[in-house]
């Protein structure tokens, strides 16, 4: 029995290894992950491991737990993303383990576990929202799968232990410090536990569930409060991570309009991305009818999907990776398929799982964007070409997101605004003005940018440019050196 269990784990990990190695630009098949956001996370995470405090010493706006992930990865290598790749393997392996638990909750004797794992990884990595690999949404997936299992178990049994409520609160705290806009699912998680207990007239259990859940969130938040507190950086944390995020990106419009746009963007993602349409949108009507199996399940799960989407899109923007937080809901398409496959009347080919695996890998190789970068050489990337021209660590990434030169050189930035975030100038002029001041005062020796700026012409010389593919377009990177 134990050997069978270990073999099961090995095969599930093998599925993860295959899909993530092929599809994530963090893997050893790729020269680098050229996604600007991932490079920003690596830059701050690497700096964090060197005693530099996010928000106080470097301006970036994701949560500190994400920087910790990248910081740990940088201890393996600070000039590439192989450490992030290892952590991705772990994250998706944990996700598959909880998919297995969810499946066995409804199909204890299913023979299609590996098929389910393949389809889940195919749907998770084939999405446009998967992007380059390494997003906050991606690293939130295993935590969401854990809590989804707890929620489904509760909806099926109408019972949940105090320990499980506390653990899910603890998980919600981790997500709070990864990217707080992803918390919509956990709001519905606790609300469902609270109100189902109220419906059953178990008032003490309802109140206790809220106390336990919030206690879990507080406990997992304490290390961050302590960390920023001892570094006298709590004001910076709350000003940048919360206040600036909430006010600098949002357009001035009514709450009703924001909600309407967020629902519209959620609907757009559910119908425009094939994996979401097949695995989430189409199964919704079926699960709304399953009152015999999950008495309150249909309504709760629909609300969980809605609030997850509202959290992701309430800002009114739709960056490609925002919708990736919906990936855990692909589980419902998997469950619906298993209902069909477990019928005795259904004829199944002998090697169905192998056929599906080969088909999925072929489709990913032919129709997704990332694999075409596997054949790229280092000389195709400005990040590597420019690296050999940098003779000291005085480098500024000017008026754009992190282009990756901090990563390939291993340089830790010296400047608070080490790059320019996607905040409009009118909403946060200080960032633009400070970067301009660095140039006017000739502070950095080297400057990398992806546009030509007249401000650079007086005191800097362009020493190299490189045109290269990025996502579905061509971009040009420029490297400038300060005149002597």
Protein backbone atom coordinates (compact mmCIF):
# COMPACT_ATOMS: atom_id res chain seq x y z
CA UNK A 1 0.00 0.00 0.00
CA UNK A 2 2.82 2.36 0.92
CA UNK A 3 4.67 1.59 -2.34
CA UNK A 4 1.51 2.32 -4.31
CA UNK A 5 1.13 5.64 -2.49
CA UNK A 6 4.75 6.66 -3.17
CA UNK A 7 4.37 5.67 -6.82
CA UNK A 8 1.26 7.84 -7.00
CA UNK A 9 3.19 10.81 -5.63
CA UNK A 10 6.07 10.20 -8.05
CA UNK A 11 3.72 10.07 -11.04
CA UNK A 12 1.85 13.19 -9.96
CA UNK A 13 5.15 15.01 -9.53
CA UNK A 14 6.20 13.72 -12.94
CA UNK A 15 3.12 15.35 -14.48
CA UNK A 16 3.98 18.64 -12.76
CA UNK A 17 7.61 18.41 -13.85
CA UNK A 18 6.67 17.83 -17.49
CA UNK A 19 4.18 20.70 -17.81
CA UNK A 20 6.07 23.30 -15.75
CA UNK A 21 9.41 22.51 -17.39
CA UNK A 22 7.91 23.03 -20.84
CA UNK A 23 5.64 25.98 -20.07
CA UNK A 24 7.36 28.12 -17.42
CA UNK A 25 10.10 30.48 -18.55
CA UNK A 26 11.67 29.96 -15.14
CA UNK A 27 12.71 26.42 -16.10
CA UNK A 28 16.13 25.31 -17.29
CA UNK A 29 14.86 25.03 -20.89
CA UNK A 30 14.76 28.83 -21.15
CA UNK A 31 17.66 31.29 -21.12
CA UNK A 32 15.74 33.64 -18.80
CA UNK A 33 12.28 34.75 -17.79
CA UNK A 34 11.99 38.05 -19.66
CA UNK A 35 8.69 39.01 -17.97
CA UNK A 36 9.24 42.45 -16.50
CA UNK A 37 7.13 41.78 -13.38
CA UNK A 38 9.03 38.60 -12.51
CA UNK A 39 12.30 40.49 -12.79
CA UNK A 40 10.97 43.16 -10.43
CA UNK A 41 9.98 40.47 -7.92
CA UNK A 42 13.45 38.91 -8.21
CA UNK A 43 15.16 42.29 -7.78
CA UNK A 44 13.26 43.08 -4.58
CA UNK A 45 13.42 39.51 -3.26
CA UNK A 46 17.19 39.40 -3.83
CA UNK A 47 17.58 42.76 -2.11
CA UNK A 48 15.44 41.57 0.80
CA UNK A 49 17.90 38.71 1.42
CA UNK A 50 20.66 41.33 1.64
CA UNK A 51 18.97 43.33 4.39
CA UNK A 52 17.19 45.86 2.17
CA UNK A 53 13.62 46.46 3.29
CA UNK A 54 10.85 46.55 0.66
CA UNK A 55 8.75 49.73 0.50
CA UNK A 56 11.19 51.60 2.76
CA UNK A 57 14.34 51.17 0.64
CA UNK A 58 12.90 50.07 -2.72
CA UNK A 59 9.56 51.04 -4.23
CA UNK A 60 7.52 48.04 -5.42
CA UNK A 61 3.92 47.17 -4.74
CA UNK A 62 3.28 43.43 -4.46
CA UNK A 63 3.10 41.79 -1.06
CA UNK A 64 6.14 40.88 1.05
CA UNK A 65 5.37 37.16 0.99
CA UNK A 66 5.88 37.15 -2.80
CA UNK A 67 9.23 38.89 -2.33
CA UNK A 68 10.12 36.26 0.27
CA UNK A 69 9.41 33.53 -2.31
CA UNK A 70 11.69 35.22 -4.83
CA UNK A 71 14.22 35.98 -2.11
CA UNK A 72 14.47 32.31 -1.20
CA UNK A 73 14.77 31.53 -4.92
CA UNK A 74 17.62 34.07 -5.21
CA UNK A 75 19.59 32.12 -2.59
CA UNK A 76 19.76 29.30 -5.13
CA UNK A 77 20.72 31.69 -7.92
CA UNK A 78 20.40 35.48 -8.04
CA UNK A 79 21.19 35.77 -11.76
CA UNK A 80 18.49 33.45 -13.16
CA UNK A 81 15.12 31.97 -12.21
CA UNK A 82 16.01 28.35 -11.52
CA UNK A 83 15.14 28.81 -7.85
CA UNK A 84 11.71 30.15 -8.82
CA UNK A 85 11.29 27.09 -11.05
CA UNK A 86 11.92 24.75 -8.10
CA UNK A 87 9.32 26.62 -6.04
CA UNK A 88 6.86 26.47 -8.95
CA UNK A 89 7.28 22.69 -9.05
CA UNK A 90 6.50 22.58 -5.34
CA UNK A 91 3.48 24.90 -5.70
CA UNK A 92 1.90 22.90 -8.50
CA UNK A 93 2.68 19.57 -6.82
CA UNK A 94 0.83 20.74 -3.70
CA UNK A 95 -2.02 21.91 -5.96
CA UNK A 96 -2.26 18.44 -7.51
CA UNK A 97 -2.22 16.77 -4.10
CA UNK A 98 -5.25 18.82 -3.08
CA UNK A 99 -6.92 18.17 -6.43
CA UNK A 100 -6.48 14.50 -5.57
CA UNK A 101 -8.11 15.02 -2.17
CA UNK A 102 -11.03 16.88 -3.78
CA UNK A 103 -11.52 14.12 -6.34
CA UNK A 104 -11.43 11.42 -3.67
CA UNK A 105 -13.99 13.36 -1.67
CA UNK A 106 -16.52 12.62 -4.42
CA UNK A 107 -14.95 9.63 -6.25
CA UNK A 108 -13.05 7.58 -3.65
CA UNK A 109 -12.34 4.73 -6.07
CA UNK A 110 -11.72 6.61 -9.30
CA UNK A 111 -9.19 5.21 -11.75
CA UNK A 112 -8.71 8.51 -13.52
CA UNK A 113 -6.56 10.46 -11.05
CA UNK A 114 -3.62 10.88 -13.43
CA UNK A 115 -5.92 11.89 -16.27
CA UNK A 116 -7.41 14.54 -13.97
CA UNK A 117 -3.93 15.78 -13.04
CA UNK A 118 -2.92 16.06 -16.68
CA UNK A 119 -6.03 18.01 -17.61
CA UNK A 120 -5.64 20.31 -14.61
CA UNK A 121 -2.01 21.11 -15.49
CA UNK A 122 -2.91 21.49 -19.16
CA UNK A 123 -5.66 23.95 -18.31
CA UNK A 124 -3.46 25.77 -15.77
CA UNK A 125 -0.39 26.23 -17.97
CA UNK A 126 -2.13 26.63 -21.32
CA UNK A 127 -4.01 29.71 -20.21
CA UNK A 128 -3.03 33.11 -21.54
CA UNK A 129 -3.22 34.17 -17.88
CA UNK A 130 -0.33 31.81 -17.03
CA UNK A 131 1.85 34.18 -19.02
CA UNK A 132 5.57 33.72 -18.52
CA UNK A 133 5.33 31.97 -15.15
CA UNK A 134 5.94 33.20 -11.62
CA UNK A 135 2.99 35.50 -10.86
CA UNK A 136 1.54 36.16 -7.41
CA UNK A 137 -1.67 34.49 -8.64
CA UNK A 138 0.28 31.36 -9.53
CA UNK A 139 1.90 31.07 -6.11
CA UNK A 140 -1.52 31.60 -4.51
CA UNK A 141 -2.94 28.58 -6.38
CA UNK A 142 -1.81 25.87 -3.88
CA UNK A 143 -3.28 27.85 -0.99
CA UNK A 144 -6.54 28.24 -2.87
CA UNK A 145 -6.64 24.51 -3.63
CA UNK A 146 -6.16 23.78 0.07
CA UNK A 147 -9.03 26.04 1.03
CA UNK A 148 -11.22 24.82 -1.84
CA UNK A 149 -10.86 21.29 -0.49
CA UNK A 150 -11.83 22.48 3.00
CA UNK A 151 -14.82 24.37 1.62
CA UNK A 152 -16.07 21.42 -0.45
CA UNK A 153 -15.61 19.07 2.50
CA UNK A 154 -17.63 21.45 4.67
CA UNK A 155 -20.37 21.82 2.06
CA UNK A 156 -20.61 18.06 1.68
CA UNK A 157 -20.58 17.15 5.38
CA UNK A 158 -21.86 20.45 6.87
CA UNK A 159 -19.13 19.99 9.45
CA UNK A 160 -15.73 21.64 9.87
CA UNK A 161 -13.24 21.40 12.72
CA UNK A 162 -11.96 24.36 14.69
CA UNK A 163 -8.47 23.48 13.48
CA UNK A 164 -9.51 23.66 9.81
CA UNK A 165 -11.15 27.06 10.28
CA UNK A 166 -8.01 28.38 11.97
CA UNK A 167 -5.74 26.92 9.26
CA UNK A 168 -7.81 28.51 6.51
CA UNK A 169 -7.65 31.83 8.33
CA UNK A 170 -3.88 31.38 8.51
CA UNK A 171 -3.83 30.73 4.74
CA UNK A 172 -5.92 33.85 4.15
CA UNK A 173 -3.29 35.80 6.09
CA UNK A 174 -0.57 34.49 3.78
CA UNK A 175 -2.63 35.60 0.77
CA UNK A 176 -3.18 39.00 2.40
CA UNK A 177 0.59 39.55 2.35
CA UNK A 178 1.01 38.12 -1.16
CA UNK A 179 -1.60 40.20 -2.99
CA UNK A 180 -4.57 41.30 -0.94
CA UNK A 181 -6.90 41.69 -3.94
CA UNK A 182 -6.92 37.88 -4.17
CA UNK A 183 -8.79 37.47 -0.88
CA UNK A 184 -12.30 37.34 -2.35
CA UNK A 185 -12.48 33.54 -2.17
CA UNK A 186 -11.61 33.49 1.53
CA UNK A 187 -14.27 36.08 2.28
CA UNK A 188 -16.87 33.68 0.92
CA UNK A 189 -15.20 30.75 2.66
CA UNK A 190 -15.71 32.23 6.11
CA UNK A 191 -19.06 33.80 5.23
CA UNK A 192 -20.39 30.38 4.15
CA UNK A 193 -19.19 28.72 7.36
CA UNK A 194 -20.72 31.52 9.42
CA UNK A 195 -24.11 31.68 7.70
CA UNK A 196 -24.60 27.92 7.32
CA UNK A 197 -24.08 27.60 11.06
CA UNK A 198 -26.59 30.42 11.56
CA UNK A 199 -29.12 28.69 9.30
CA UNK A 200 -28.72 25.58 11.46
CA UNK A 201 -29.23 27.80 14.54
CA UNK A 202 -25.69 27.06 15.77
CA UNK A 203 -24.99 30.64 16.81
CA UNK A 204 -22.01 29.87 19.05
CA UNK A 205 -20.32 27.89 16.28
CA UNK A 206 -20.98 30.71 13.82
CA UNK A 207 -19.37 33.32 16.06
CA UNK A 208 -16.51 31.02 17.02
CA UNK A 209 -15.75 30.35 13.34
CA UNK A 210 -15.21 34.07 12.76
CA UNK A 211 -12.96 34.39 15.80
CA UNK A 212 -10.88 31.38 14.76
CA UNK A 213 -10.61 32.51 11.14
CA UNK A 214 -9.54 36.04 12.05
CA UNK A 215 -7.14 34.66 14.67
CA UNK A 216 -5.48 32.58 11.96
CA UNK A 217 -5.13 35.65 9.76
CA UNK A 218 -3.61 37.61 12.63
CA UNK A 219 -1.12 34.88 13.53
CA UNK A 220 0.20 34.61 9.97
CA UNK A 221 0.39 38.43 9.80
CA UNK A 222 2.46 38.81 12.96
CA UNK A 223 5.85 37.94 11.38
CA UNK A 224 5.38 40.74 8.85
CA UNK A 225 4.28 43.26 11.45
CA UNK A 226 7.33 42.28 13.50
CA UNK A 227 9.70 42.40 10.50
CA UNK A 228 8.61 45.83 9.32
CA UNK A 229 8.28 47.04 12.91
CA UNK A 230 11.86 46.29 13.93
CA UNK A 231 13.05 47.97 10.72
CA UNK A 232 10.92 51.06 11.43
CA UNK A 233 9.15 50.47 8.13
CA UNK A 234 5.49 50.01 9.11
CA UNK A 235 4.52 53.45 7.69
CA UNK A 236 6.23 52.56 4.41
CA UNK A 237 4.47 49.18 4.31
CA UNK A 238 1.00 50.62 4.76
CA UNK A 239 1.63 53.67 2.57
CA UNK A 240 3.02 51.74 -0.43
CA UNK A 241 1.41 48.29 -0.22
CA UNK A 242 -2.04 49.44 0.81
CA UNK A 243 -2.61 53.16 0.29
CA UNK A 244 -0.69 53.69 -2.96
CA UNK A 245 -2.05 50.49 -4.48
CA UNK A 246 -5.61 51.51 -3.62
CA UNK A 247 -5.39 55.09 -4.85
CA UNK A 248 -2.78 55.38 -7.61
CA UNK A 249 -4.17 52.93 -10.14
CA UNK A 250 -7.91 53.35 -9.64
CA UNK A 251 -9.86 55.67 -11.89
CA UNK A 252 -12.24 58.09 -10.24
CA UNK A 253 -15.63 56.44 -10.70
CA UNK A 254 -18.53 55.26 -8.54
CA UNK A 255 -18.45 51.97 -6.65
CA UNK A 256 -21.40 50.74 -8.72
CA UNK A 257 -19.50 51.38 -11.95
CA UNK A 258 -16.41 49.63 -10.55
CA UNK A 259 -18.49 46.57 -9.61
CA UNK A 260 -20.17 46.52 -13.02
CA UNK A 261 -16.82 46.70 -14.81
CA UNK A 262 -15.30 44.03 -12.57
CA UNK A 263 -18.21 41.67 -13.30
CA UNK A 264 -17.82 42.43 -16.99
CA UNK A 265 -14.10 41.61 -16.89
CA UNK A 266 -14.81 38.41 -14.96
CA UNK A 267 -17.37 37.35 -17.57
CA UNK A 268 -14.94 38.25 -20.37
CA UNK A 269 -12.22 36.05 -18.87
CA UNK A 270 -14.62 33.16 -18.33
CA UNK A 271 -15.76 33.13 -21.96
CA UNK A 272 -12.65 34.33 -23.82
CA UNK A 273 -10.09 31.91 -22.37
CA UNK A 274 -10.92 28.41 -23.68
CA UNK A 275 -9.78 26.57 -20.54
CA UNK A 276 -12.00 28.70 -18.31
CA UNK A 277 -14.93 28.35 -20.69
CA UNK A 278 -14.63 24.55 -20.78
CA UNK A 279 -13.70 23.92 -17.15
CA UNK A 280 -15.62 26.67 -15.32
CA UNK A 281 -18.31 28.37 -17.40
CA UNK A 282 -19.94 25.28 -18.91
CA UNK A 283 -20.07 23.28 -15.62
CA UNK A 284 -21.71 26.12 -13.63
CA UNK A 285 -25.35 25.15 -14.43
CA UNK A 286 -24.64 21.53 -13.48
CA UNK A 287 -23.24 22.39 -10.06
CA UNK A 288 -26.08 24.78 -9.31
CA UNK A 289 -28.41 21.76 -9.51
CA UNK A 290 -26.41 19.46 -7.23
CA UNK A 291 -28.41 20.06 -4.05
CA UNK A 292 -28.47 16.36 -3.14
CA UNK A 293 -24.66 16.18 -2.96
CA UNK A 294 -23.91 19.74 -1.85
CA UNK A 295 -26.97 21.26 -0.18
CA UNK A 296 -25.72 24.84 -0.35
CA UNK A 297 -22.84 24.11 -2.72
CA UNK A 298 -24.08 25.60 -5.97
CA UNK A 299 -24.83 29.02 -4.52
CA UNK A 300 -21.69 29.12 -2.35
CA UNK A 301 -19.39 28.11 -5.19
CA UNK A 302 -20.97 30.62 -7.55
CA UNK A 303 -20.50 33.35 -4.94
CA UNK A 304 -16.90 32.22 -4.40
CA UNK A 305 -16.25 32.55 -8.13
CA UNK A 306 -17.96 35.95 -8.23
CA UNK A 307 -16.08 37.41 -5.25
CA UNK A 308 -12.76 36.00 -6.45
CA UNK A 309 -13.34 37.79 -9.75
CA UNK A 310 -14.48 41.01 -8.07
CA UNK A 311 -11.30 41.13 -6.01
CA UNK A 312 -9.12 40.52 -9.05
CA UNK A 313 -10.82 43.05 -11.34
CA UNK A 314 -12.24 45.72 -9.03
CA UNK A 315 -9.45 48.08 -10.10
CA UNK A 316 -10.95 48.16 -13.58
CA UNK A 317 -7.90 46.81 -15.40
CA UNK A 318 -7.35 43.43 -17.03
CA UNK A 319 -3.64 42.62 -17.17
CA UNK A 320 -3.28 39.16 -18.67
CA UNK A 321 -2.35 37.48 -15.37
CA UNK A 322 -5.17 38.95 -13.26
CA UNK A 323 -7.56 36.15 -14.15
CA UNK A 324 -5.17 33.37 -13.17
CA UNK A 325 -6.62 33.32 -9.66
CA UNK A 326 -9.69 31.65 -11.22
CA UNK A 327 -7.64 28.56 -12.11
CA UNK A 328 -8.60 26.63 -8.97
CA UNK A 329 -12.19 26.63 -10.24
CA UNK A 330 -11.05 24.47 -13.18
CA UNK A 331 -11.52 21.70 -10.62
CA UNK A 332 -15.26 21.75 -11.35
CA UNK A 333 -14.76 20.90 -14.99
CA UNK A 334 -12.51 18.03 -13.90
CA UNK A 335 -15.20 16.74 -11.51
CA UNK A 336 -17.88 16.97 -14.19
CA UNK A 337 -15.70 14.99 -16.59
CA UNK A 338 -15.09 12.32 -13.95
CA UNK A 339 -18.85 11.93 -13.45
CA UNK A 340 -19.05 11.03 -17.13
CA UNK A 341 -15.94 8.81 -17.19
CA UNK A 342 -16.98 6.83 -14.13
CA UNK A 343 -20.21 5.66 -15.78
CA UNK A 344 -19.97 1.96 -16.57
CA UNK A 345 -21.61 2.41 -19.95
CA UNK A 346 -18.84 4.68 -21.24
CA UNK A 347 -16.28 2.98 -23.49
CA UNK A 348 -12.75 4.20 -22.84
CA UNK A 349 -9.62 3.46 -24.90
CA UNK A 350 -7.07 1.29 -23.13
CA UNK A 351 -4.35 3.95 -23.04
CA UNK A 352 -6.60 6.99 -22.71
CA UNK A 353 -4.37 8.78 -20.17
CA UNK A 354 -1.29 8.46 -22.40
CA UNK A 355 -3.22 9.69 -25.45
CA UNK A 356 -4.51 12.69 -23.52
CA UNK A 357 -1.03 13.49 -22.18
CA UNK A 358 0.53 13.43 -25.65
CA UNK A 359 -2.33 15.49 -27.08
CA UNK A 360 -2.07 18.11 -24.34
CA UNK A 361 1.70 18.50 -24.73
CA UNK A 362 1.35 18.76 -28.52
CA UNK A 363 -1.32 21.44 -28.23
CA UNK A 364 0.80 23.46 -25.81
CA UNK A 365 3.86 23.25 -28.06
CA UNK A 366 1.91 24.27 -31.15
CA UNK A 367 -0.51 26.89 -29.89
CA UNK A 368 0.96 28.65 -26.85
CA UNK A 369 3.54 31.44 -26.77
CA UNK A 370 6.22 30.32 -24.33
CA UNK A 371 7.69 27.20 -26.03
CA UNK A 372 8.90 29.23 -29.03
CA UNK A 373 11.38 30.89 -26.63
CA UNK A 374 13.05 27.57 -25.78
CA UNK A 375 15.22 27.80 -28.91
CA UNK A 376 16.37 31.36 -28.14
CA UNK A 377 20.04 31.94 -27.40
CA UNK A 378 21.51 34.32 -24.82
CA UNK A 379 22.62 36.56 -27.66
CA UNK A 380 18.95 37.10 -28.55
CA UNK A 381 18.40 38.92 -25.24
CA UNK A 382 19.58 42.43 -24.44
CA UNK A 383 19.71 41.37 -20.80
CA UNK A 384 22.72 39.16 -21.59
CA UNK A 385 24.27 41.30 -24.34
CA UNK A 386 24.25 44.38 -22.08
CA UNK A 387 25.51 42.44 -19.07
CA UNK A 388 29.05 42.22 -20.47
CA UNK A 389 29.14 46.00 -20.96
CA UNK A 390 28.31 46.84 -17.33
CA UNK A 391 31.55 47.50 -15.43
CA UNK A 392 30.15 48.55 -12.04
CA UNK A 393 26.91 48.34 -10.04
CA UNK A 394 25.65 51.90 -10.69
CA UNK A 395 22.61 50.95 -12.82
CA UNK A 396 19.16 52.51 -13.25
CA UNK A 397 16.16 50.99 -15.01
CA UNK A 398 14.65 54.22 -16.39
CA UNK A 399 10.94 54.97 -17.01
CA UNK A 400 9.83 51.38 -17.46
CA UNK A 401 9.29 48.16 -15.53
CA UNK A 402 12.28 45.99 -14.62
CA UNK A 403 13.76 44.87 -17.96
CA UNK A 404 15.86 42.13 -16.34
CA UNK A 405 19.35 43.64 -16.29
CA UNK A 406 19.37 43.72 -12.48
CA UNK A 407 18.83 39.97 -12.66
CA UNK A 408 21.41 38.95 -15.27
CA UNK A 409 24.10 41.17 -13.73
CA UNK A 410 23.19 40.27 -10.14
CA UNK A 411 23.16 43.98 -9.29
CA UNK A 412 21.11 45.16 -6.32
CA UNK A 413 19.63 48.63 -7.03
CA UNK A 414 20.91 51.68 -5.17
CA UNK A 415 17.92 53.86 -5.98
CA UNK A 416 14.52 53.89 -4.28
CA UNK A 417 12.69 54.20 -7.60
CA UNK A 418 14.85 51.57 -9.27
CA UNK A 419 12.23 51.23 -12.04
CA UNK A 420 8.97 52.91 -13.00
CA UNK A 421 5.74 51.14 -12.07
CA UNK A 422 2.63 51.27 -14.27
CA UNK A 423 1.16 54.19 -12.34
CA UNK A 424 0.00 57.20 -14.41
CA UNK A 425 2.22 60.24 -13.95
CA UNK A 426 -0.67 62.40 -12.75
CA UNK A 427 -1.45 59.90 -9.98
CA UNK A 428 2.08 59.59 -8.66
CA UNK A 429 4.39 62.28 -10.10
CA UNK A 430 7.06 61.76 -7.43
CA UNK A 431 8.22 58.50 -9.04
CA UNK A 432 8.70 60.15 -12.45
CA UNK A 433 10.34 63.26 -11.01
CA UNK A 434 12.78 61.29 -8.87
CA UNK A 435 13.89 59.13 -11.79
CA UNK A 436 14.41 62.30 -13.83
CA UNK A 437 16.44 63.77 -10.96
CA UNK A 438 18.75 60.74 -10.94
CA UNK A 439 19.48 61.46 -14.62
CA UNK A 440 19.82 65.24 -14.29
CA UNK A 441 22.29 64.82 -11.43
CA UNK A 442 24.18 62.11 -13.37
CA UNK A 443 23.93 59.69 -10.45
CA UNK A 444 23.81 56.30 -12.23
CA UNK A 445 26.67 55.34 -14.53
CA UNK A 446 24.50 53.02 -16.63
CA UNK A 447 20.87 53.39 -17.67
CA UNK A 448 18.64 50.84 -19.39
CA UNK A 449 15.36 51.83 -20.97
CA UNK A 450 13.05 50.76 -23.79
CA UNK A 451 12.51 54.20 -25.31
CA UNK A 452 14.80 57.04 -26.32
CA UNK A 453 14.46 60.05 -24.01
CA UNK A 454 15.88 63.49 -24.78
CA UNK A 455 16.81 63.93 -21.12
CA UNK A 456 19.46 61.24 -21.56
CA UNK A 457 21.14 62.86 -24.57
CA UNK A 458 23.05 65.59 -22.73
CA UNK A 459 25.01 63.53 -20.23
CA UNK A 460 24.69 59.94 -21.46
CA UNK A 461 25.77 58.05 -24.58
CA UNK A 462 23.81 55.12 -25.98
CA UNK A 463 26.38 52.32 -26.21
CA UNK A 464 24.14 49.44 -27.28
CA UNK A 465 20.62 48.65 -28.42
CA UNK A 466 18.90 45.33 -28.87
CA UNK A 467 15.62 44.55 -30.62
CA UNK A 468 13.98 41.37 -29.38
CA UNK A 469 10.61 39.62 -29.12
CA UNK A 470 8.50 40.16 -26.01
CA UNK A 471 5.15 38.40 -25.70
CA UNK A 472 3.54 38.97 -29.13
CA UNK A 473 5.49 42.05 -30.18
CA UNK A 474 8.99 43.39 -30.73
CA UNK A 475 10.65 45.72 -28.23
CA UNK A 476 13.97 47.55 -28.29
CA UNK A 477 16.15 47.91 -25.21
CA UNK A 478 18.72 50.71 -25.01
CA UNK A 479 21.78 50.82 -22.79
CA UNK A 480 23.29 54.21 -21.96
CA UNK A 481 26.59 55.05 -20.25
CA UNK A 482 27.36 58.31 -18.47
CA UNK A 483 29.77 60.55 -20.35
CA UNK A 484 33.11 61.07 -18.66
